[in-house]
Amino acid sequence: MTDTLTTSGAAAASDTAATSAPAGLRARLTAPGASGRPRWVFWAGLAVAVLLVFAVAPAVLSDFRLSQLARYFCFALVATGIGLAWGRGGMLTLGQGVYFGIGAYAMAMHLKMADAQGRGGPDALPDFMQIAGMRELPGYWAPFASPGFALAVILLVPALFAFGFGYLVFNRKVKGAYFAILSQALAAAAAIFLVSRADLGGSNGLNRFTGFFGFALNDPANRLMLYFITGGVLVAVVLLVRQLMFSRFGELLVAVRDQEERVRFLGYDPALVKSFAYAVAAFAAGLGGALFVPVVGIISPSAIGIAPSIAFLIGVAIGGRATLLGPVLGAIGVAWAQVTFAEAYPSQWTYLQGVLFIVVVGFLPGGLASLFALRRRRATTDTEETR
């Protein structure tokens, strides 16, 4: 594959030399995987974002608004992974709520165990189990008393489960709408399973957490620390996804999306490539779910079913799935709009969300981020016409 790419690059270079240098430069800048902007623009934008998140927001926002913003960051983590899998890989992921739920329930189980042991010793049951009349702790709950085990589940299980599920599906050349339906069915099955499990809180889920790895959640200083942790994890995941997007793997992922059979002919396994991207998206969703629990204070089956999974996708589509920061900004914007408009129009918000999604997909398929690309393209065209 390397030799092939090298040969193709040499041929492209020859063709470029045969035409004109400016035209070849424009072709390279607008090629798939290229941003078309100087590298410093991204780092400058990232520096401004970090300044706003870690300095400006804590100085001007109340504790309540900071907590809300941290909640939006959790959704943005999920959207960042979807941007890689859907925007670059062409995988319409309608079931990210599953991986969000795995991370969330793993964190919630550890927090519940820590709270119970802090109140009544190592043999104490979580409060909801005592209320339900349970007399013995289920065996699979016991390991979650260890913070190391809980973190290992959060970091590994969503990615490994997604990789295994993805490879089984992609290896059978399932893609497009069929993959979307399968992933959505997985989310529905997970929500139904959790509702039926009284030892996981049933339809009420898990809530009323008092501590977070030894820190009291009702302390404003600790809430601020949790906000900084969530923002830092989001920045780290964005950088990870950027590295994958603009690496050789990102180019290969785009090639699989556009010409899967040609990539297979060149000796690569497209199922492995797509499964890895899908696993990275699940990893980001698991982190988002794990941080959502201490930030919001509750996790229930209603937060991981079909509707939340579609809501994640709507934010990515509106922001711009093919860009790096579009999914992040789209997820934060949609979550903010949901809180803002739902307070004033609680029964109409769902319809407004659906109309917004239809309008963007129908008339602006590249999302709001494509407006900037269109403006830049028009400016370039105007410049060329004036020469």
Foldseek 3Di string as FASTA:
>chain_A
DVVVVVVVVVVLVVVDVVPDVVVSVVCVCPPALHPNDDPVVVVVVVVVVCCCQPPVCVVPDDLVVLLLLLLLLLLLLLLLLLLLLCQLQVAQQLFLLVLLVQLQLLLLLLLQQCVQCVVPNNQGHRPLCVVVVHDHQDPVSNVSVDVVVSVCSLQPVLLVVLLVVLLVCVVVVDGDPRSNVVSQVVLAVVLVVQLPDVSQVHQQGGFDGQDDPNHGLVDSVVSVVLSVVSVVVSSVLLVVSSCCCNDVLVVVSNCCNVPVPVSVVVPDDNSNSSSNSSSSSSSSSSVSSNSSCSSVGGDGSVCRHSVVSVLSVLLCQQQFSNDSCSSSVSSSVLSVCCVVVCVVVVVCSVVVSVVSSCCCCVPPRRHPVVVVVVVVVVVVVVVVVVD
